[in-house]
Amino acid sequence: MRGARWADLLRGLLLPVIAAAALLMFAAALSSLDRGRAEEDMRQLEETLRRGCVACYAAEGVYPADLEYLQTRYGVQIDEERYTVHYSVFAENLMPDITVLENEP
């Protein structure tokens, strides 16, 4: 009798612990997936900006002087609520320094 009570008690505790562990692992996996997606989105935006700069240089012989020119003439779209883009031009014939940062939610 006594052994059966311990087995029932153990079974009663083990099931909720396993369920909680599974939920924690699922939440961690979702968080990791979101982080990976955010990093990929930032990488794609930076790549799009660089391609726009190269297209401008190929068509006009100079790199865009600022982001607004790139957005207006080459259709580059930036979600400014989500990202901050640092765009620094040193010279017309040198690729601008482009840094994409994600804004805090």
Protein backbone atom coordinates (compact mmCIF):
# COMPACT_ATOMS: atom_id res chain seq x y z
CA MET A 1 0.00 0.00 0.00
CA ARG A 2 2.66 2.41 1.03
CA GLY A 3 4.64 1.88 -2.20
CA ALA A 4 1.52 2.52 -4.29
CA ARG A 5 0.95 5.89 -2.56
CA TRP A 6 4.49 6.98 -3.32
CA ALA A 7 4.09 5.90 -6.95
CA ASP A 8 0.83 7.85 -7.26
CA LEU A 9 2.39 10.88 -5.61
CA LEU A 10 5.45 10.67 -7.85
CA ARG A 11 3.27 10.27 -10.94
CA GLY A 12 1.13 13.22 -9.84
CA LEU A 13 4.21 15.45 -9.46
CA LEU A 14 6.13 14.17 -12.43
CA LEU A 15 3.46 14.93 -15.04
CA PRO A 16 3.18 18.67 -14.20
CA VAL A 17 6.98 18.99 -14.04
CA ILE A 18 7.36 17.38 -17.47
CA ALA A 19 4.60 19.60 -18.91
CA ALA A 20 6.23 22.73 -17.46
CA ALA A 21 9.63 21.70 -18.87
CA ALA A 22 8.09 21.14 -22.30
CA LEU A 23 6.44 24.57 -22.20
CA LEU A 24 9.72 26.22 -21.18
CA MET A 25 11.58 24.53 -24.03
CA PHE A 26 8.87 25.59 -26.49
CA ALA A 27 9.04 29.21 -25.25
CA ALA A 28 12.84 29.19 -25.55
CA ALA A 29 12.62 27.84 -29.10
CA LEU A 30 10.13 30.55 -30.10
CA SER A 31 12.34 33.24 -28.58
CA SER A 32 15.35 31.92 -30.47
CA LEU A 33 13.34 31.84 -33.69
CA ASP A 34 12.22 35.46 -33.22
CA ARG A 35 15.80 36.56 -32.53
CA GLY A 36 17.04 34.79 -35.65
CA ARG A 37 14.31 36.35 -37.75
CA ALA A 38 15.06 39.85 -36.44
CA GLU A 39 18.76 39.41 -37.24
CA GLU A 40 17.91 38.18 -40.74
CA ASP A 41 15.57 41.15 -41.33
CA MET A 42 18.33 43.58 -40.31
CA ARG A 43 20.83 41.82 -42.58
CA GLN A 44 18.41 42.01 -45.50
CA LEU A 45 17.78 45.72 -44.96
CA GLU A 46 21.51 46.43 -44.88
CA GLU A 47 21.99 44.38 -48.05
CA THR A 48 19.13 46.25 -49.76
CA LEU A 49 20.71 49.58 -48.83
CA ARG A 50 24.09 48.49 -50.19
CA ARG A 51 22.53 47.26 -53.44
CA GLY A 52 20.72 50.57 -53.82
CA CYS A 53 24.02 52.40 -53.34
CA VAL A 54 25.72 50.24 -55.96
CA ALA A 55 22.83 50.76 -58.39
CA CYS A 56 23.10 54.52 -57.88
CA TYR A 57 26.86 54.44 -58.43
CA ALA A 58 26.43 52.36 -61.60
CA ALA A 59 23.76 54.69 -62.99
CA GLU A 60 25.05 58.08 -61.85
CA GLY A 61 28.77 57.62 -61.16
CA VAL A 62 28.45 58.68 -57.51
CA TYR A 63 27.08 57.11 -54.36
CA PRO A 64 23.92 58.64 -52.86
CA ALA A 65 24.66 61.67 -50.67
CA ASP A 66 22.05 60.64 -48.08
CA LEU A 67 19.40 58.08 -47.25
CA GLU A 68 16.57 60.27 -48.45
CA TYR A 69 18.03 60.28 -51.97
CA LEU A 70 18.31 56.51 -51.89
CA GLN A 71 14.73 56.16 -50.70
CA THR A 72 13.31 58.66 -53.18
CA ARG A 73 15.20 57.66 -56.34
CA TYR A 74 15.80 53.96 -55.79
CA GLY A 75 12.70 52.88 -53.86
CA VAL A 76 14.48 51.67 -50.75
CA GLN A 77 12.01 51.45 -47.86
CA ILE A 78 13.02 51.59 -44.22
CA ASP A 79 10.68 50.81 -41.32
CA GLU A 80 11.86 53.73 -39.19
CA GLU A 81 9.80 52.61 -36.20
CA ARG A 82 11.70 49.34 -36.15
CA TYR A 83 15.17 50.32 -37.41
CA THR A 84 17.65 53.15 -37.15
CA VAL A 85 20.04 53.45 -40.07
CA HIS A 86 23.36 55.25 -39.73
CA TYR A 87 24.49 56.35 -43.19
CA SER A 88 27.84 58.08 -43.38
CA VAL A 89 29.35 59.38 -46.61
CA PHE A 90 33.07 60.11 -46.80
CA ALA A 91 33.38 60.83 -50.51
CA GLU A 92 31.20 60.51 -53.61
CA ASN A 93 33.35 57.71 -55.03
CA LEU A 94 33.59 55.61 -51.83
CA MET A 95 30.87 53.26 -50.58
CA PRO A 96 29.06 54.89 -47.65
CA ASP A 97 29.34 53.34 -44.22
CA ILE A 98 25.95 51.76 -43.47
CA THR A 99 24.91 50.45 -40.06
CA VAL A 100 21.42 49.12 -39.29
CA LEU A 101 20.31 48.97 -35.66
CA GLU A 102 17.04 47.63 -34.29
CA ASN A 103 15.09 50.06 -32.11
CA GLU A 104 13.98 48.98 -28.67
CA PRO A 105 10.34 47.80 -28.64
